[in-house]
Amino acid sequence: MDIQAFLRDYWPLLLLGAWFGYKWWRARKVAGMLPELKQAGAVLIDVRSPAEFAQGNAPGTVNIPLQELGSRLHEIPKAYPVVVGCASGTRSGMAAMLLKRHGYAAVYNIGAWSNFLK
């Protein structure tokens, strides 16, 4: 199979792989920045459900489930960085977009909540 045929037939899989690779790389980058963000007073938010949070969470994180985030924005100060996490990075990605739409300037998606532990 030549390269053009390969790209034509498999571009969706290649794109999906690139997307997951980017998400992994970005979460690792934010995890590396975490000590600096904490020093700056970052608010650490876990957007998983209360049941998921109860099964395991990182010290210093606050549980605000994604479905409640819009109605609880008043609990999150805009003057500090906000770091969001969840089970895989998908819900925290949605949370980050919501926060940015509401005027939060420094929002970071750390991906999986376990990245808060690194």
N, C-alpha and C. Protein backbone atom coordinates (compact mmCIF):
# COMPACT_ATOMS: atom_id res chain seq x y z
N MET A 1 0.86 -1.17 0.00
CA MET A 1 0.00 0.00 0.00
C MET A 1 0.90 1.24 0.00
N ASP A 2 0.62 2.18 -0.86
CA ASP A 2 1.43 3.41 -0.90
C ASP A 2 0.95 4.39 0.17
N ILE A 3 1.73 5.41 0.42
CA ILE A 3 1.45 6.37 1.50
C ILE A 3 0.14 7.12 1.29
N GLN A 4 -0.17 7.47 0.03
CA GLN A 4 -1.42 8.19 -0.24
C GLN A 4 -2.63 7.33 0.09
N ALA A 5 -2.58 6.07 -0.28
CA ALA A 5 -3.70 5.17 0.02
C ALA A 5 -3.82 4.96 1.53
N PHE A 6 -2.68 4.83 2.18
CA PHE A 6 -2.68 4.65 3.63
C PHE A 6 -3.32 5.86 4.32
N LEU A 7 -2.89 7.05 3.93
CA LEU A 7 -3.45 8.27 4.53
C LEU A 7 -4.94 8.40 4.23
N ARG A 8 -5.33 8.09 3.02
CA ARG A 8 -6.74 8.18 2.63
C ARG A 8 -7.60 7.23 3.45
N ASP A 9 -7.09 6.02 3.68
CA ASP A 9 -7.87 5.00 4.37
C ASP A 9 -7.82 5.12 5.90
N TYR A 10 -6.72 5.65 6.42
CA TYR A 10 -6.54 5.62 7.87
C TYR A 10 -6.43 7.00 8.52
N TRP A 11 -6.73 8.08 7.78
CA TRP A 11 -6.58 9.40 8.37
C TRP A 11 -7.42 9.61 9.63
N PRO A 12 -8.65 9.04 9.73
CA PRO A 12 -9.39 9.26 10.98
C PRO A 12 -8.67 8.66 12.20
N LEU A 13 -8.09 7.48 12.03
CA LEU A 13 -7.37 6.86 13.14
C LEU A 13 -6.11 7.64 13.48
N LEU A 14 -5.42 8.14 12.48
CA LEU A 14 -4.22 8.93 12.72
C LEU A 14 -4.58 10.23 13.45
N LEU A 15 -5.66 10.85 13.06
CA LEU A 15 -6.12 12.07 13.70
C LEU A 15 -6.53 11.81 15.15
N LEU A 16 -7.23 10.72 15.38
CA LEU A 16 -7.63 10.36 16.73
C LEU A 16 -6.41 10.09 17.61
N GLY A 17 -5.43 9.38 17.06
CA GLY A 17 -4.19 9.12 17.80
C GLY A 17 -3.46 10.41 18.13
N ALA A 18 -3.43 11.33 17.18
CA ALA A 18 -2.77 12.62 17.42
C ALA A 18 -3.50 13.40 18.50
N TRP A 19 -4.84 13.36 18.50
CA TRP A 19 -5.62 14.07 19.51
C TRP A 19 -5.34 13.52 20.91
N PHE A 20 -5.35 12.19 21.06
CA PHE A 20 -5.07 11.61 22.37
C PHE A 20 -3.63 11.87 22.80
N GLY A 21 -2.72 11.86 21.85
CA GLY A 21 -1.33 12.18 22.16
C GLY A 21 -1.20 13.61 22.66
N TYR A 22 -1.91 14.53 22.03
CA TYR A 22 -1.88 15.93 22.46
C TYR A 22 -2.47 16.07 23.86
N LYS A 23 -3.61 15.41 24.11
CA LYS A 23 -4.23 15.48 25.45
C LYS A 23 -3.27 14.95 26.51
N TRP A 24 -2.60 13.84 26.24
CA TRP A 24 -1.65 13.27 27.18
C TRP A 24 -0.50 14.23 27.44
N TRP A 25 0.06 14.79 26.35
CA TRP A 25 1.19 15.72 26.47
C TRP A 25 0.78 16.96 27.26
N ARG A 26 -0.38 17.51 26.98
CA ARG A 26 -0.84 18.73 27.65
C ARG A 26 -1.07 18.47 29.14
N ALA A 27 -1.67 17.33 29.48
CA ALA A 27 -1.90 17.00 30.89
C ALA A 27 -0.56 16.86 31.63
N ARG A 28 0.42 16.24 30.99
CA ARG A 28 1.75 16.10 31.61
C ARG A 28 2.38 17.47 31.82
N LYS A 29 2.20 18.36 30.87
CA LYS A 29 2.76 19.71 30.99
C LYS A 29 2.12 20.44 32.18
N VAL A 30 0.80 20.36 32.32
CA VAL A 30 0.12 21.02 33.43
C VAL A 30 0.55 20.38 34.75
N ALA A 31 0.68 19.05 34.79
CA ALA A 31 1.14 18.37 36.02
C ALA A 31 2.52 18.88 36.42
N GLY A 32 3.38 19.13 35.45
CA GLY A 32 4.70 19.67 35.74
C GLY A 32 4.66 21.09 36.26
N MET A 33 3.64 21.84 35.86
CA MET A 33 3.47 23.23 36.31
C MET A 33 2.77 23.32 37.67
N LEU A 34 2.24 22.21 38.17
CA LEU A 34 1.40 22.23 39.36
C LEU A 34 2.07 22.87 40.57
N PRO A 35 3.33 22.58 40.89
CA PRO A 35 3.93 23.25 42.06
C PRO A 35 3.92 24.78 41.93
N GLU A 36 4.22 25.26 40.75
CA GLU A 36 4.22 26.71 40.49
C GLU A 36 2.80 27.27 40.60
N LEU A 37 1.83 26.55 40.05
CA LEU A 37 0.44 27.00 40.10
C LEU A 37 -0.07 27.02 41.55
N LYS A 38 0.31 26.01 42.34
CA LYS A 38 -0.09 25.98 43.75
C LYS A 38 0.51 27.17 44.50
N GLN A 39 1.76 27.49 44.20
CA GLN A 39 2.39 28.65 44.84
C GLN A 39 1.66 29.93 44.50
N ALA A 40 1.07 29.98 43.32
CA ALA A 40 0.32 31.16 42.90
C ALA A 40 -1.10 31.17 43.47
N GLY A 41 -1.43 30.17 44.30
CA GLY A 41 -2.75 30.13 44.93
C GLY A 41 -3.82 29.42 44.13
N ALA A 42 -3.42 28.55 43.23
CA ALA A 42 -4.38 27.87 42.34
C ALA A 42 -5.47 27.15 43.12
N VAL A 43 -6.65 27.19 42.53
CA VAL A 43 -7.80 26.43 43.04
C VAL A 43 -7.81 25.13 42.25
N LEU A 44 -7.82 24.00 42.95
CA LEU A 44 -7.78 22.68 42.32
C LEU A 44 -9.17 22.07 42.37
N ILE A 45 -9.78 21.86 41.21
CA ILE A 45 -11.17 21.39 41.15
C ILE A 45 -11.24 20.04 40.45
N ASP A 46 -11.90 19.11 41.09
CA ASP A 46 -12.18 17.79 40.53
C ASP A 46 -13.65 17.80 40.12
N VAL A 47 -13.92 17.63 38.83
CA VAL A 47 -15.30 17.76 38.34
C VAL A 47 -16.01 16.41 38.19
N ARG A 48 -15.47 15.37 38.81
CA ARG A 48 -16.14 14.07 38.79
C ARG A 48 -17.35 14.09 39.72
N SER A 49 -18.14 13.05 39.67
CA SER A 49 -19.31 12.94 40.55
C SER A 49 -18.86 12.77 41.99
N PRO A 50 -19.75 13.08 42.95
CA PRO A 50 -19.39 12.88 44.36
C PRO A 50 -18.99 11.43 44.67
N ALA A 51 -19.65 10.46 44.04
CA ALA A 51 -19.31 9.06 44.28
C ALA A 51 -17.90 8.74 43.76
N GLU A 52 -17.55 9.24 42.58
CA GLU A 52 -16.20 9.03 42.05
C GLU A 52 -15.17 9.70 42.95
N PHE A 53 -15.46 10.91 43.38
CA PHE A 53 -14.55 11.66 44.24
C PHE A 53 -14.33 10.93 45.56
N ALA A 54 -15.40 10.34 46.12
CA ALA A 54 -15.30 9.62 47.39
C ALA A 54 -14.44 8.37 47.27
N GLN A 55 -14.39 7.78 46.08
CA GLN A 55 -13.58 6.57 45.88
C GLN A 55 -12.09 6.87 45.83
N GLY A 56 -11.74 8.10 45.58
CA GLY A 56 -10.33 8.49 45.53
C GLY A 56 -10.21 9.91 45.03
N ASN A 57 -9.36 10.69 45.72
CA ASN A 57 -9.16 12.07 45.29
C ASN A 57 -7.80 12.54 45.76
N ALA A 58 -7.38 13.66 45.24
CA ALA A 58 -6.09 14.22 45.59
C ALA A 58 -6.25 15.25 46.70
N PRO A 59 -5.32 15.28 47.65
CA PRO A 59 -5.39 16.28 48.72
C PRO A 59 -5.42 17.70 48.15
N GLY A 60 -6.28 18.52 48.72
CA GLY A 60 -6.37 19.91 48.30
C GLY A 60 -7.33 20.17 47.16
N THR A 61 -7.91 19.11 46.59
CA THR A 61 -8.88 19.32 45.51
C THR A 61 -10.27 19.53 46.09
N VAL A 62 -11.06 20.30 45.39
CA VAL A 62 -12.45 20.57 45.76
C VAL A 62 -13.32 19.87 44.73
N ASN A 63 -14.33 19.17 45.19
CA ASN A 63 -15.23 18.47 44.27
C ASN A 63 -16.39 19.37 43.89
N ILE A 64 -16.41 19.77 42.62
CA ILE A 64 -17.56 20.48 42.05
C ILE A 64 -17.91 19.71 40.78
N PRO A 65 -18.89 18.82 40.84
CA PRO A 65 -19.26 18.03 39.66
C PRO A 65 -19.56 18.92 38.46
N LEU A 66 -19.21 18.45 37.29
CA LEU A 66 -19.38 19.24 36.07
C LEU A 66 -20.80 19.77 35.93
N GLN A 67 -21.80 18.96 36.22
CA GLN A 67 -23.19 19.40 36.05
C GLN A 67 -23.58 20.51 37.03
N GLU A 68 -22.79 20.72 38.10
CA GLU A 68 -23.06 21.78 39.06
C GLU A 68 -22.17 23.00 38.86
N LEU A 69 -21.18 22.89 38.02
CA LEU A 69 -20.17 23.94 37.90
C LEU A 69 -20.77 25.30 37.54
N GLY A 70 -21.66 25.33 36.58
CA GLY A 70 -22.25 26.60 36.16
C GLY A 70 -22.95 27.34 37.27
N SER A 71 -23.59 26.61 38.17
CA SER A 71 -24.32 27.26 39.27
C SER A 71 -23.43 27.51 40.49
N ARG A 72 -22.18 27.05 40.44
CA ARG A 72 -21.29 27.23 41.60
C ARG A 72 -20.05 28.07 41.26
N LEU A 73 -20.11 28.81 40.17
CA LEU A 73 -18.97 29.64 39.77
C LEU A 73 -18.59 30.64 40.84
N HIS A 74 -19.57 31.09 41.63
CA HIS A 74 -19.28 32.07 42.69
C HIS A 74 -18.31 31.53 43.74
N GLU A 75 -18.12 30.22 43.79
CA GLU A 75 -17.20 29.61 44.75
C GLU A 75 -15.75 29.63 44.26
N ILE A 76 -15.54 29.99 43.01
CA ILE A 76 -14.21 29.93 42.41
C ILE A 76 -13.72 31.35 42.13
N PRO A 77 -12.68 31.79 42.83
CA PRO A 77 -12.18 33.15 42.60
C PRO A 77 -11.50 33.28 41.23
N LYS A 78 -11.75 34.40 40.57
CA LYS A 78 -11.15 34.64 39.26
C LYS A 78 -9.71 35.16 39.36
N ALA A 79 -9.30 35.57 40.55
CA ALA A 79 -7.98 36.18 40.73
C ALA A 79 -6.85 35.15 40.77
N TYR A 80 -7.19 33.87 40.84
CA TYR A 80 -6.17 32.82 40.96
C TYR A 80 -6.29 31.83 39.81
N PRO A 81 -5.20 31.13 39.51
CA PRO A 81 -5.30 30.08 38.49
C PRO A 81 -6.28 28.99 38.95
N VAL A 82 -6.91 28.34 38.00
CA VAL A 82 -7.83 27.25 38.28
C VAL A 82 -7.33 26.03 37.52
N VAL A 83 -7.17 24.91 38.23
CA VAL A 83 -6.74 23.66 37.61
C VAL A 83 -7.88 22.67 37.77
N VAL A 84 -8.34 22.11 36.65
CA VAL A 84 -9.46 21.17 36.68
C VAL A 84 -9.00 19.78 36.26
N GLY A 85 -9.61 18.78 36.88
CA GLY A 85 -9.32 17.39 36.55
C GLY A 85 -10.57 16.56 36.67
N CYS A 86 -10.54 15.36 36.11
CA CYS A 86 -11.66 14.43 36.20
C CYS A 86 -11.12 13.00 36.10
N ALA A 87 -11.83 12.12 35.46
CA ALA A 87 -11.36 10.74 35.33
C ALA A 87 -10.40 10.58 34.16
N SER A 88 -10.68 11.25 33.05
CA SER A 88 -9.86 11.07 31.86
C SER A 88 -9.38 12.36 31.22
N GLY A 89 -10.00 13.46 31.56
CA GLY A 89 -9.67 14.74 30.95
C GLY A 89 -10.77 15.29 30.07
N THR A 90 -11.79 14.50 29.80
CA THR A 90 -12.88 14.95 28.93
C THR A 90 -13.79 15.93 29.66
N ARG A 91 -14.30 15.55 30.83
CA ARG A 91 -15.16 16.46 31.59
C ARG A 91 -14.40 17.70 32.03
N SER A 92 -13.14 17.52 32.42
CA SER A 92 -12.36 18.69 32.83
C SER A 92 -12.09 19.60 31.64
N GLY A 93 -12.02 19.06 30.44
CA GLY A 93 -11.91 19.89 29.25
C GLY A 93 -13.15 20.74 29.06
N MET A 94 -14.32 20.14 29.28
CA MET A 94 -15.57 20.89 29.18
C MET A 94 -15.64 21.95 30.28
N ALA A 95 -15.18 21.58 31.48
CA ALA A 95 -15.17 22.53 32.60
C ALA A 95 -14.25 23.71 32.29
N ALA A 96 -13.10 23.43 31.71
CA ALA A 96 -12.16 24.51 31.36
C ALA A 96 -12.79 25.47 30.35
N MET A 97 -13.49 24.93 29.36
CA MET A 97 -14.15 25.80 28.38
C MET A 97 -15.22 26.66 29.05
N LEU A 98 -16.00 26.07 29.96
CA LEU A 98 -17.04 26.82 30.66
C LEU A 98 -16.42 27.94 31.49
N LEU A 99 -15.36 27.63 32.20
CA LEU A 99 -14.70 28.65 33.03
C LEU A 99 -14.15 29.79 32.17
N LYS A 100 -13.52 29.46 31.06
CA LYS A 100 -12.97 30.49 30.18
C LYS A 100 -14.09 31.37 29.61
N ARG A 101 -15.22 30.76 29.27
CA ARG A 101 -16.36 31.54 28.76
C ARG A 101 -16.91 32.50 29.81
N HIS A 102 -16.69 32.19 31.08
CA HIS A 102 -17.17 33.04 32.16
C HIS A 102 -16.09 33.96 32.72
N GLY A 103 -15.04 34.16 31.96
CA GLY A 103 -14.06 35.17 32.33
C GLY A 103 -12.88 34.72 33.17
N TYR A 104 -12.71 33.43 33.37
CA TYR A 104 -11.54 32.93 34.09
C TYR A 104 -10.37 32.89 33.10
N ALA A 105 -9.33 33.65 33.41
CA ALA A 105 -8.23 33.81 32.46
C ALA A 105 -7.22 32.67 32.53
N ALA A 106 -6.89 32.21 33.72
CA ALA A 106 -5.85 31.19 33.90
C ALA A 106 -6.50 29.87 34.28
N VAL A 107 -6.88 29.08 33.28
CA VAL A 107 -7.53 27.79 33.50
C VAL A 107 -6.68 26.70 32.87
N TYR A 108 -6.44 25.63 33.63
CA TYR A 108 -5.57 24.55 33.17
C TYR A 108 -6.29 23.21 33.36
N ASN A 109 -6.27 22.38 32.33
CA ASN A 109 -6.86 21.04 32.39
C ASN A 109 -5.73 20.05 32.65
N ILE A 110 -5.74 19.45 33.83
CA ILE A 110 -4.70 18.50 34.19
C ILE A 110 -5.04 17.08 33.76
N GLY A 111 -6.23 16.90 33.18
CA GLY A 111 -6.63 15.57 32.72
C GLY A 111 -7.14 14.72 33.87
N ALA A 112 -6.61 13.52 34.01
CA ALA A 112 -7.03 12.60 35.06
C ALA A 112 -6.72 13.15 36.44
N TRP A 113 -7.62 12.94 37.38
CA TRP A 113 -7.44 13.48 38.74
C TRP A 113 -6.15 12.99 39.37
N SER A 114 -5.70 11.80 38.99
CA SER A 114 -4.45 11.26 39.57
C SER A 114 -3.24 12.10 39.20
N ASN A 115 -3.35 12.93 38.16
CA ASN A 115 -2.24 13.83 37.80
C ASN A 115 -2.02 14.90 38.86
N PHE A 116 -3.04 15.14 39.71
CA PHE A 116 -2.85 16.08 40.81
C PHE A 116 -1.82 15.54 41.82
N LEU A 117 -1.64 14.23 41.84
CA LEU A 117 -0.74 13.57 42.79
C LEU A 117 0.73 13.60 42.35
N LYS A 118 0.99 13.96 41.11
CA LYS A 118 2.35 13.89 40.59
C LYS A 118 3.17 15.10 40.93
